[in-house]
N, C-alpha and C. Protein backbone atom coordinates (compact mmCIF):
# COMPACT_ATOMS: atom_id res chain seq x y z
N MET A 1 139.89 216.35 152.02
CA MET A 1 138.84 217.23 151.91
C MET A 1 138.81 218.05 153.00
N ASN A 2 138.76 219.50 152.73
CA ASN A 2 138.49 220.53 153.61
C ASN A 2 137.09 220.73 154.07
N CYS A 3 136.50 220.19 155.16
CA CYS A 3 135.07 220.25 155.45
C CYS A 3 134.94 221.47 156.43
N ARG A 4 133.73 222.28 156.07
CA ARG A 4 133.27 223.28 156.88
C ARG A 4 131.95 223.03 157.33
N ASN A 5 131.75 224.05 158.34
CA ASN A 5 130.30 224.03 159.02
C ASN A 5 129.35 224.19 157.90
N ALA A 6 128.02 223.69 158.06
CA ALA A 6 127.15 223.75 157.19
C ALA A 6 126.59 225.20 157.10
N THR A 7 126.63 225.87 158.19
CA THR A 7 126.15 227.32 157.94
C THR A 7 127.10 228.32 157.39
N GLU A 8 128.20 227.81 157.08
CA GLU A 8 129.12 228.83 156.42
C GLU A 8 128.99 228.45 154.93
N GLY A 9 128.11 227.66 154.43
CA GLY A 9 128.09 227.47 152.91
C GLY A 9 128.77 226.63 152.29
N GLY A 10 129.81 225.94 152.88
CA GLY A 10 130.91 225.18 152.26
C GLY A 10 130.42 223.75 152.24
N THR A 11 131.34 222.94 151.65
CA THR A 11 130.98 221.74 151.44
C THR A 11 130.91 221.09 152.82
N PRO A 12 129.61 220.17 153.20
CA PRO A 12 129.24 219.77 154.25
C PRO A 12 130.42 218.98 154.99
N ALA A 13 130.60 218.99 156.37
CA ALA A 13 131.56 218.14 157.05
C ALA A 13 131.43 216.73 156.85
N CYS A 14 130.19 216.29 156.49
CA CYS A 14 129.96 214.86 156.20
C CYS A 14 130.78 214.33 155.09
N ALA A 15 131.33 215.17 154.27
CA ALA A 15 131.99 214.69 153.10
C ALA A 15 133.06 213.83 153.54
N GLU A 16 133.54 213.68 154.77
CA GLU A 16 134.67 212.94 155.26
C GLU A 16 134.09 211.86 156.11
N GLY A 17 132.63 211.92 156.52
CA GLY A 17 132.16 210.90 157.31
C GLY A 17 131.90 211.56 158.64
N SER A 18 131.10 211.02 159.30
CA SER A 18 130.68 211.64 160.79
C SER A 18 131.64 211.82 161.73
N THR A 19 132.75 210.81 161.69
CA THR A 19 133.79 210.85 162.61
C THR A 19 134.80 211.97 162.38
N GLY A 20 134.85 212.44 161.34
CA GLY A 20 135.79 213.41 160.72
C GLY A 20 136.79 212.68 160.14
N ALA A 21 137.14 211.46 160.18
CA ALA A 21 138.27 210.54 159.56
C ALA A 21 137.60 210.41 158.03
N PRO A 22 138.81 210.36 157.28
CA PRO A 22 138.55 210.20 155.96
C PRO A 22 137.71 208.72 155.76
N ALA A 23 136.79 208.54 154.85
CA ALA A 23 136.10 207.33 154.57
C ALA A 23 136.86 206.45 153.97
N ALA A 24 136.59 205.11 154.12
CA ALA A 24 137.44 203.94 153.49
C ALA A 24 136.59 203.46 152.38
N GLY A 25 137.33 202.98 151.43
CA GLY A 25 136.78 202.32 150.15
C GLY A 25 136.70 203.45 149.11
N PRO A 26 136.11 202.93 148.02
CA PRO A 26 135.70 203.56 146.92
C PRO A 26 135.00 205.08 147.19
N ALA A 27 134.20 205.03 148.22
CA ALA A 27 133.43 206.32 148.32
C ALA A 27 134.48 207.52 148.88
N ALA A 28 135.60 207.04 149.33
CA ALA A 28 136.42 207.92 149.92
C ALA A 28 136.85 209.13 148.87
N ALA A 29 137.08 208.69 147.73
CA ALA A 29 137.35 209.74 146.51
C ALA A 29 136.53 210.49 145.95
N GLN A 30 135.14 210.11 146.42
CA GLN A 30 134.09 210.67 145.78
C GLN A 30 133.37 211.85 146.80
N THR A 31 133.00 212.91 146.12
CA THR A 31 132.23 213.88 147.00
C THR A 31 130.71 213.34 147.00
N PRO A 32 130.04 214.22 148.13
CA PRO A 32 128.65 213.86 148.31
C PRO A 32 127.72 213.84 147.02
N TYR A 33 128.33 214.98 146.10
CA TYR A 33 127.75 215.21 144.94
C TYR A 33 127.86 214.12 144.12
N ASP A 34 128.96 213.51 143.86
CA ASP A 34 129.32 212.21 143.11
C ASP A 34 128.15 210.94 143.67
N ARG A 35 128.40 210.89 144.93
CA ARG A 35 127.57 209.81 145.48
C ARG A 35 126.24 210.00 145.54
N ILE A 36 125.60 210.94 145.20
CA ILE A 36 124.16 211.26 145.00
C ILE A 36 123.89 210.86 143.56
N GLY A 37 124.76 210.94 142.70
CA GLY A 37 124.55 210.80 141.28
C GLY A 37 124.65 212.01 140.49
N GLY A 38 125.55 212.90 140.99
CA GLY A 38 125.86 214.10 140.13
C GLY A 38 124.80 215.08 139.78
N GLU A 39 124.76 215.57 138.73
CA GLU A 39 123.81 216.59 138.42
C GLU A 39 122.23 216.06 138.37
N GLU A 40 122.18 214.86 137.79
CA GLU A 40 120.88 214.19 137.74
C GLU A 40 120.37 213.84 139.20
N GLY A 41 121.15 213.26 140.04
CA GLY A 41 120.76 212.96 141.48
C GLY A 41 120.31 214.35 142.03
N ILE A 42 120.96 215.43 141.94
CA ILE A 42 120.60 216.57 142.52
C ILE A 42 119.37 217.15 142.07
N ARG A 43 119.20 216.90 140.57
CA ARG A 43 117.84 217.21 140.12
C ARG A 43 116.75 216.57 140.73
N ARG A 44 116.97 215.18 140.81
CA ARG A 44 115.95 214.34 141.33
C ARG A 44 115.61 214.80 142.75
N LEU A 45 116.59 215.11 143.43
CA LEU A 45 116.45 215.52 145.05
C LEU A 45 115.49 216.80 145.01
N THR A 46 115.84 217.83 144.11
CA THR A 46 115.26 219.13 144.29
C THR A 46 113.86 219.10 143.62
N ARG A 47 113.67 218.30 142.67
CA ARG A 47 112.40 218.22 141.98
C ARG A 47 111.45 217.45 142.85
N ARG A 48 112.01 216.47 143.66
CA ARG A 48 111.03 215.83 144.78
C ARG A 48 110.79 216.65 145.89
N PHE A 49 111.62 217.53 146.38
CA PHE A 49 111.56 218.41 147.35
C PHE A 49 110.56 219.46 147.20
N TYR A 50 110.46 219.96 145.89
CA TYR A 50 109.42 220.86 145.78
C TYR A 50 108.05 220.27 145.51
N GLU A 51 107.97 219.11 144.95
CA GLU A 51 106.95 218.39 144.73
C GLU A 51 106.16 218.23 146.09
N LEU A 52 106.94 217.84 147.24
CA LEU A 52 106.63 217.55 148.50
C LEU A 52 106.06 218.86 149.13
N MET A 53 106.79 219.97 148.86
CA MET A 53 106.60 221.18 149.44
C MET A 53 105.06 221.72 148.90
N ASP A 54 104.89 221.49 147.78
CA ASP A 54 103.59 221.89 147.08
C ASP A 54 102.18 220.89 147.56
N SER A 55 102.61 219.92 148.09
CA SER A 55 101.57 218.87 148.51
C SER A 55 101.41 218.47 149.94
N LEU A 56 102.37 218.67 150.63
CA LEU A 56 102.25 218.19 152.09
C LEU A 56 101.47 219.16 152.99
N PRO A 57 100.40 218.87 153.72
CA PRO A 57 99.81 219.76 154.49
C PRO A 57 100.84 220.10 155.64
N GLU A 58 101.72 219.39 156.11
CA GLU A 58 102.51 219.69 157.28
C GLU A 58 103.73 220.69 156.56
N ALA A 59 103.85 221.07 155.30
CA ALA A 59 104.66 222.05 154.74
C ALA A 59 104.05 223.21 154.43
N ALA A 60 102.67 223.30 154.72
CA ALA A 60 102.09 224.58 154.40
C ALA A 60 102.82 225.96 154.86
N ALA A 61 103.17 226.20 155.98
CA ALA A 61 103.94 227.24 156.46
C ALA A 61 105.01 227.77 155.46
N CYS A 62 105.72 226.51 155.16
CA CYS A 62 107.13 226.84 154.39
C CYS A 62 106.61 227.16 152.99
N ARG A 63 105.61 226.51 152.35
CA ARG A 63 105.06 226.66 151.16
C ARG A 63 104.60 228.20 151.14
N ALA A 64 104.05 228.69 152.10
CA ALA A 64 103.32 229.91 152.00
C ALA A 64 104.20 231.18 152.04
N VAL A 65 105.67 230.88 152.22
CA VAL A 65 106.65 232.06 152.13
C VAL A 65 107.25 232.02 150.80
N HIS A 66 106.76 231.08 149.95
CA HIS A 66 107.32 231.01 148.59
C HIS A 66 106.30 231.59 147.43
N PRO A 67 106.76 232.08 146.27
CA PRO A 67 105.85 232.41 145.38
C PRO A 67 105.07 231.36 144.75
N PRO A 68 103.94 231.63 144.18
CA PRO A 68 103.11 230.73 143.51
C PRO A 68 104.02 229.57 142.60
N SER A 69 104.70 229.93 141.72
CA SER A 69 105.67 229.07 141.01
C SER A 69 106.98 228.72 141.81
N LEU A 70 107.24 227.60 142.03
CA LEU A 70 108.29 227.07 142.62
C LEU A 70 109.52 226.81 141.57
N VAL A 71 109.30 227.11 140.31
CA VAL A 71 110.34 226.81 139.34
C VAL A 71 111.69 227.54 139.62
N ARG A 72 111.51 228.84 139.88
CA ARG A 72 112.90 229.60 140.25
C ARG A 72 113.50 229.00 141.67
N ALA A 73 112.73 228.77 142.61
CA ALA A 73 113.35 228.18 143.96
C ALA A 73 114.11 226.87 143.68
N GLU A 74 113.15 226.00 142.78
CA GLU A 74 113.98 224.63 142.59
C GLU A 74 115.10 224.90 141.93
N GLN A 75 115.28 225.73 140.95
CA GLN A 75 116.64 225.81 140.21
C GLN A 75 117.73 226.62 141.11
N ARG A 76 117.36 227.37 142.00
CA ARG A 76 118.31 227.86 143.11
C ARG A 76 118.66 226.90 143.84
N LEU A 77 117.83 226.22 144.56
CA LEU A 77 118.29 224.97 145.36
C LEU A 77 119.34 224.07 144.62
N PHE A 78 119.03 223.58 143.45
CA PHE A 78 119.70 222.91 142.61
C PHE A 78 121.14 223.32 142.56
N GLU A 79 121.10 224.73 142.22
CA GLU A 79 122.56 225.35 142.11
C GLU A 79 123.47 225.43 143.47
N TYR A 80 122.55 225.69 144.36
CA TYR A 80 123.33 225.80 145.75
C TYR A 80 123.76 224.26 146.08
N LEU A 81 122.95 223.31 146.12
CA LEU A 81 123.29 222.00 146.58
C LEU A 81 124.42 221.30 145.63
N SER A 82 124.51 221.80 144.46
CA SER A 82 125.53 221.32 143.48
C SER A 82 126.95 221.52 144.13
N GLY A 83 127.07 222.93 144.56
CA GLY A 83 128.23 223.20 145.11
C GLY A 83 128.59 222.95 146.48
N TRP A 84 127.44 222.93 147.29
CA TRP A 84 127.45 222.63 148.72
C TRP A 84 127.90 221.06 148.91
N LEU A 85 127.42 220.33 148.04
CA LEU A 85 127.71 218.76 148.09
C LEU A 85 129.05 218.44 147.40
N GLY A 86 129.88 219.39 146.81
CA GLY A 86 131.09 219.16 146.29
C GLY A 86 131.09 219.20 144.82
N GLY A 87 130.14 219.62 144.07
CA GLY A 87 129.97 219.55 142.69
C GLY A 87 130.30 220.92 142.21
N PRO A 88 129.94 221.23 140.94
CA PRO A 88 130.23 222.49 140.34
C PRO A 88 129.57 223.70 141.17
N PRO A 89 130.30 224.68 141.45
CA PRO A 89 129.89 225.83 142.26
C PRO A 89 128.73 226.76 141.66
N LEU A 90 127.71 226.13 140.99
CA LEU A 90 126.71 226.89 140.16
C LEU A 90 126.30 228.11 140.77
N PHE A 91 125.70 227.95 142.05
CA PHE A 91 125.22 229.08 142.59
C PHE A 91 126.19 230.24 142.74
N VAL A 92 127.20 230.08 143.15
CA VAL A 92 128.35 231.02 143.40
C VAL A 92 128.61 231.85 142.10
N GLU A 93 128.85 230.87 141.00
CA GLU A 93 129.04 231.62 139.66
C GLU A 93 127.89 232.36 139.14
N ARG A 94 126.69 232.01 139.47
CA ARG A 94 125.54 232.69 138.80
C ARG A 94 125.03 233.81 139.75
N HIS A 95 125.18 233.68 141.09
CA HIS A 95 124.58 234.72 141.85
C HIS A 95 125.47 235.20 142.92
N GLY A 96 126.75 234.99 143.02
CA GLY A 96 127.68 235.21 144.00
C GLY A 96 127.58 234.42 145.30
N HIS A 97 128.32 234.87 146.40
CA HIS A 97 128.20 234.26 147.70
C HIS A 97 126.94 234.03 148.10
N PRO A 98 126.49 232.76 148.74
CA PRO A 98 125.11 232.30 148.90
C PRO A 98 124.47 233.29 149.89
N MET A 99 125.06 233.74 150.97
CA MET A 99 124.48 234.55 152.05
C MET A 99 123.15 234.12 152.29
N LEU A 100 122.96 232.78 152.69
CA LEU A 100 121.56 232.33 152.69
C LEU A 100 120.64 233.09 153.74
N ARG A 101 121.10 233.38 154.90
CA ARG A 101 120.36 234.23 155.88
C ARG A 101 119.92 235.38 155.30
N ARG A 102 120.76 236.07 154.89
CA ARG A 102 120.47 237.45 154.23
C ARG A 102 119.40 237.36 153.16
N ARG A 103 119.51 236.56 152.11
CA ARG A 103 118.78 236.15 151.01
C ARG A 103 117.32 235.90 151.46
N HIS A 104 117.33 235.15 152.81
CA HIS A 104 116.06 234.84 153.11
C HIS A 104 115.28 235.82 154.14
N PHE A 105 116.06 236.93 154.40
CA PHE A 105 115.20 237.98 155.24
C PHE A 105 113.98 238.39 154.76
N VAL A 106 113.92 238.21 153.58
CA VAL A 106 112.36 238.70 152.97
C VAL A 106 111.15 238.02 153.51
N ALA A 107 111.54 236.78 153.97
CA ALA A 107 110.45 235.86 154.60
C ALA A 107 110.63 235.79 155.99
N ARG A 108 109.50 235.52 156.57
CA ARG A 108 109.62 235.28 158.15
C ARG A 108 109.93 233.57 158.31
N ILE A 109 111.06 233.23 158.84
CA ILE A 109 111.39 231.88 159.15
C ILE A 109 111.37 231.66 160.49
N ASP A 110 110.49 230.64 160.98
CA ASP A 110 110.54 230.38 162.41
C ASP A 110 110.12 228.92 162.40
N SER A 111 109.85 228.21 163.66
CA SER A 111 109.70 226.68 163.73
C SER A 111 108.93 226.28 162.71
N PRO A 112 107.70 226.55 162.52
CA PRO A 112 106.78 226.05 161.46
C PRO A 112 107.37 225.83 159.94
N GLU A 113 108.12 227.00 159.54
CA GLU A 113 108.70 227.03 158.14
C GLU A 113 109.99 226.02 158.34
N ILE A 114 110.73 226.12 159.20
CA ILE A 114 111.75 225.03 159.26
C ILE A 114 111.37 223.83 159.54
N GLU A 115 110.37 223.45 160.33
CA GLU A 115 109.86 222.06 160.35
C GLU A 115 109.31 221.49 159.06
N GLY A 116 108.58 222.49 158.25
CA GLY A 116 107.87 222.04 157.05
C GLY A 116 109.14 221.80 155.97
N TRP A 117 110.11 222.56 155.94
CA TRP A 117 111.28 222.42 155.03
C TRP A 117 111.87 221.19 155.38
N LEU A 118 112.23 221.23 156.46
CA LEU A 118 113.03 219.78 156.86
C LEU A 118 112.17 218.56 156.54
N ILE A 119 110.87 218.57 156.75
CA ILE A 119 110.10 217.24 156.23
C ILE A 119 110.28 217.17 154.96
N CYS A 120 110.13 218.08 154.04
CA CYS A 120 110.37 218.15 152.69
C CYS A 120 111.69 217.50 152.34
N PHE A 121 112.61 218.06 152.75
CA PHE A 121 113.96 217.66 152.51
C PHE A 121 114.37 216.23 152.86
N THR A 122 113.97 215.89 154.04
CA THR A 122 114.27 214.42 154.48
C THR A 122 113.58 213.40 153.77
N ARG A 123 112.20 213.70 153.40
CA ARG A 123 111.46 212.81 152.67
C ARG A 123 112.13 212.82 151.31
N ALA A 124 112.35 213.86 150.70
CA ALA A 124 113.02 213.91 149.33
C ALA A 124 114.18 213.17 149.35
N TRP A 125 114.98 213.31 150.19
CA TRP A 125 116.20 212.66 150.26
C TRP A 125 116.03 211.01 150.38
N ALA A 126 115.05 210.76 151.23
CA ALA A 126 114.74 209.28 151.32
C ALA A 126 114.17 208.74 150.19
N ASP A 127 113.39 209.38 149.47
CA ASP A 127 112.86 209.07 148.21
C ASP A 127 113.95 208.98 146.95
N THR A 128 114.82 209.57 147.17
CA THR A 128 115.75 209.91 145.67
C THR A 128 117.16 209.49 146.05
N VAL A 129 117.79 209.27 147.24
CA VAL A 129 119.24 208.98 147.45
C VAL A 129 119.22 207.60 148.10
N GLU A 130 119.92 206.81 147.34
CA GLU A 130 120.13 205.44 148.03
C GLU A 130 121.23 205.11 149.11
N ASP A 131 122.12 206.07 148.99
CA ASP A 131 123.29 205.83 149.83
C ASP A 131 122.91 206.44 151.26
N ARG A 132 122.40 205.33 152.07
CA ARG A 132 122.00 205.59 153.53
C ARG A 132 123.40 206.24 154.34
N GLN A 133 124.35 205.76 154.04
CA GLN A 133 125.42 206.13 155.05
C GLN A 133 125.68 207.70 154.60
N LEU A 134 125.63 208.05 153.35
CA LEU A 134 125.93 209.55 153.15
C LEU A 134 124.59 210.26 153.74
N GLY A 135 123.45 209.75 153.77
CA GLY A 135 122.37 210.45 154.52
C GLY A 135 122.77 210.60 155.94
N ALA A 136 123.10 209.68 156.56
CA ALA A 136 123.53 209.80 158.04
C ALA A 136 124.40 210.82 158.36
N ALA A 137 125.28 211.08 157.15
CA ALA A 137 126.28 212.19 157.43
C ALA A 137 125.86 213.56 157.00
N VAL A 138 125.02 213.59 155.84
CA VAL A 138 124.53 214.82 155.19
C VAL A 138 123.33 215.48 156.14
N LEU A 139 122.36 214.71 156.47
CA LEU A 139 121.24 215.24 156.90
C LEU A 139 121.31 216.04 158.14
N PRO A 140 122.27 215.68 159.20
CA PRO A 140 122.37 216.44 160.32
C PRO A 140 122.89 217.85 160.03
N GLN A 141 123.64 217.82 159.09
CA GLN A 141 124.24 219.20 158.50
C GLN A 141 123.09 220.10 157.85
N VAL A 142 122.20 219.48 157.26
CA VAL A 142 121.05 220.06 156.51
C VAL A 142 120.15 220.73 157.76
N VAL A 143 120.05 219.92 158.94
CA VAL A 143 119.43 220.35 159.91
C VAL A 143 119.79 221.59 160.43
N LYS A 144 121.29 221.68 160.68
CA LYS A 144 121.95 222.84 161.24
C LYS A 144 121.62 223.94 160.32
N LEU A 145 121.85 223.64 159.09
CA LEU A 145 121.48 224.72 157.97
C LEU A 145 120.27 225.35 158.23
N ALA A 146 119.04 224.43 158.33
CA ALA A 146 117.92 225.11 158.41
C ALA A 146 117.60 225.76 159.59
N GLN A 147 118.20 225.37 160.68
CA GLN A 147 117.98 226.04 162.07
C GLN A 147 118.68 227.46 161.86
N HIS A 148 119.75 227.53 161.19
CA HIS A 148 120.49 228.66 161.10
C HIS A 148 119.55 229.81 160.30
N MET A 149 118.75 229.26 159.39
CA MET A 149 117.82 230.31 158.78
C MET A 149 116.81 230.89 159.64
N ARG A 150 116.57 230.38 161.03
CA ARG A 150 115.57 231.20 161.57
C ARG A 150 115.82 232.82 161.85
N ASN A 151 114.82 233.43 161.55
CA ASN A 151 115.00 234.94 161.59
C ASN A 151 113.75 235.66 162.35
N ALA A 152 112.86 234.57 163.09
CA ALA A 152 111.88 235.08 163.76
C ALA A 152 111.70 234.78 165.14
């Protein structure tokens, strides 16, 4: 598997394991998308993510830069993560290249927004993804991606 840096919008480097060497065993042939549980696993993750964003006080700054309804944001995150984790490239098919920083310039993103987003993502991951080894590989890439979004 050709892994790319998280900020490039490609499949996370974690797909091969944190050492860069191919993973051993049955998980080696599976993408992170597969290991999470495919479409349903990504849906669970994104649903939980936005439930947390809507309810956690520590995510208030992040929530404030979103519209009142999170339905569209949840769908777009689902589409993005599907492709980023090695599944169908739904976001690219429907919206073109992610250009994440550019798409987020409409909102001020600084430490409070990034920290709130990461709290929601890491909790949602912990609540919905059982594969702890995958989490150890994916979550550092997610942190890099979130930090890359800073525009203030």
